[in-house]
Amino acid sequence: MNETKYRLLGVSPGPVISVECAEQMARGALDTVSADASVSVTGVGGPGVEEGQPSGTVFISVSSKCAVRTMRYQFAGPPDEVIALTTLNALVQLKQMLLEA
């Protein structure tokens, strides 16, 4: 999965659970498909720690041609709840960015 991020989205090699990775993925998606807006997520669904980040750590980045905004979340619960909360918050952030445009 990391190789896909590096190759298709232009993510710099290194840790992928980070603000930088989330922003690079969002910008990479804009460039790759010529989209007007994008959303990316990266994080630790759990269980356990990855790249020094505890379970439930999530970075969500929303991007347009004019701006990029990235948020860090710390969700509690099992992996399926972390994924559900990540999805919900990603869509809320994308909607908010589109309404502000």
Protein backbone atom coordinates (compact mmCIF):
# COMPACT_ATOMS: atom_id res chain seq x y z
CA MET A 1 0.00 0.00 0.00
CA ASN A 2 2.80 2.46 0.77
CA GLU A 3 4.35 1.89 -2.66
CA THR A 4 1.06 2.99 -4.24
CA LYS A 5 1.16 6.20 -2.22
CA TYR A 6 4.73 6.85 -3.32
CA ARG A 7 4.25 5.95 -6.97
CA LEU A 8 0.77 7.23 -7.83
CA LEU A 9 0.28 10.11 -5.43
CA GLY A 10 3.81 11.50 -5.17
CA VAL A 11 4.21 10.86 -1.47
CA SER A 12 7.80 11.20 -0.29
CA PRO A 13 9.32 7.96 1.03
CA GLY A 14 9.16 7.72 4.79
CA PRO A 15 6.46 7.56 7.44
CA VAL A 16 2.97 7.57 5.99
CA ILE A 17 1.03 8.26 9.18
CA SER A 18 1.67 11.99 9.19
CA VAL A 19 0.36 15.41 8.25
CA GLU A 20 2.85 15.55 5.38
CA CYS A 21 1.68 12.27 3.89
CA ALA A 22 -2.01 13.23 4.13
CA GLU A 23 -1.32 16.54 2.37
CA GLN A 24 0.83 14.95 -0.32
CA MET A 25 -1.86 12.33 -1.02
CA ALA A 26 -4.59 14.98 -1.30
CA ARG A 27 -2.50 17.12 -3.65
CA GLY A 28 -1.40 14.05 -5.59
CA ALA A 29 -5.01 13.03 -6.15
CA LEU A 30 -5.83 16.50 -7.49
CA ASP A 31 -2.95 16.30 -9.96
CA THR A 32 -3.41 12.66 -10.95
CA VAL A 33 -7.07 12.89 -11.91
CA SER A 34 -7.38 16.65 -12.51
CA ALA A 35 -10.01 16.92 -9.79
CA ASP A 36 -11.36 20.14 -8.33
CA ALA A 37 -11.25 18.78 -4.78
CA SER A 38 -9.90 15.75 -2.97
CA VAL A 39 -9.80 14.13 0.43
CA SER A 40 -7.17 11.79 1.81
CA VAL A 41 -6.84 9.84 5.02
CA THR A 42 -3.96 8.05 6.66
CA GLY A 43 -3.74 6.60 10.11
CA VAL A 44 -3.77 3.66 12.48
CA GLY A 45 -7.01 1.72 12.59
CA GLY A 46 -5.63 -0.61 15.22
CA PRO A 47 -5.12 -2.59 17.11
CA GLY A 48 -1.68 -1.53 18.20
CA VAL A 49 0.89 1.11 17.43
CA GLU A 50 2.24 1.84 13.91
CA GLU A 51 5.11 4.20 13.09
CA GLY A 52 5.06 5.31 16.72
CA GLN A 53 1.44 6.46 16.46
CA PRO A 54 -1.17 4.93 18.78
CA SER A 55 -4.25 3.15 17.51
CA GLY A 56 -6.96 5.60 16.45
CA THR A 57 -4.55 8.31 15.22
CA VAL A 58 -5.85 9.65 11.92
CA PHE A 59 -4.84 12.51 9.62
CA ILE A 60 -7.48 13.81 7.21
CA SER A 61 -6.54 16.24 4.46
CA VAL A 62 -8.95 18.05 2.16
CA SER A 63 -7.61 19.92 -0.82
CA SER A 64 -8.74 22.14 -3.64
CA LYS A 65 -6.77 23.99 -6.26
CA CYS A 66 -6.63 26.96 -3.86
CA ALA A 67 -6.06 25.42 -0.44
CA VAL A 68 -5.21 22.38 1.61
CA ARG A 69 -6.38 21.76 5.17
CA THR A 70 -5.25 18.88 7.36
CA MET A 71 -6.64 17.77 10.70
CA ARG A 72 -5.35 15.26 13.25
CA TYR A 73 -7.85 13.10 15.10
CA GLN A 74 -7.56 10.60 17.91
CA PHE A 75 -10.49 8.19 17.75
CA ALA A 76 -11.27 5.54 20.36
CA GLY A 77 -12.68 2.12 19.68
CA PRO A 78 -12.03 -0.98 17.63
CA PRO A 79 -10.76 -0.73 14.03
CA ASP A 80 -14.24 -0.74 12.45
CA GLU A 81 -15.30 2.24 14.60
CA VAL A 82 -12.07 4.12 13.83
CA ILE A 83 -12.68 3.58 10.11
CA ALA A 84 -16.33 4.69 10.38
CA LEU A 85 -15.39 7.85 12.31
CA THR A 86 -12.60 8.57 9.85
CA THR A 87 -14.95 8.25 6.88
CA LEU A 88 -17.61 10.44 8.48
CA ASN A 89 -15.14 13.17 9.45
CA ALA A 90 -13.44 13.09 6.04
CA LEU A 91 -16.77 13.67 4.31
CA VAL A 92 -17.73 16.43 6.75
CA GLN A 93 -14.42 18.21 6.15
CA LEU A 94 -14.75 17.86 2.37
CA LYS A 95 -18.32 19.21 2.48
CA GLN A 96 -17.18 22.16 4.60
CA MET A 97 -14.38 23.00 2.19
CA LEU A 98 -16.74 22.84 -0.79
CA LEU A 99 -19.28 25.09 0.91
CA GLU A 100 -16.58 27.66 1.69
CA ALA A 101 -15.40 27.79 -1.93
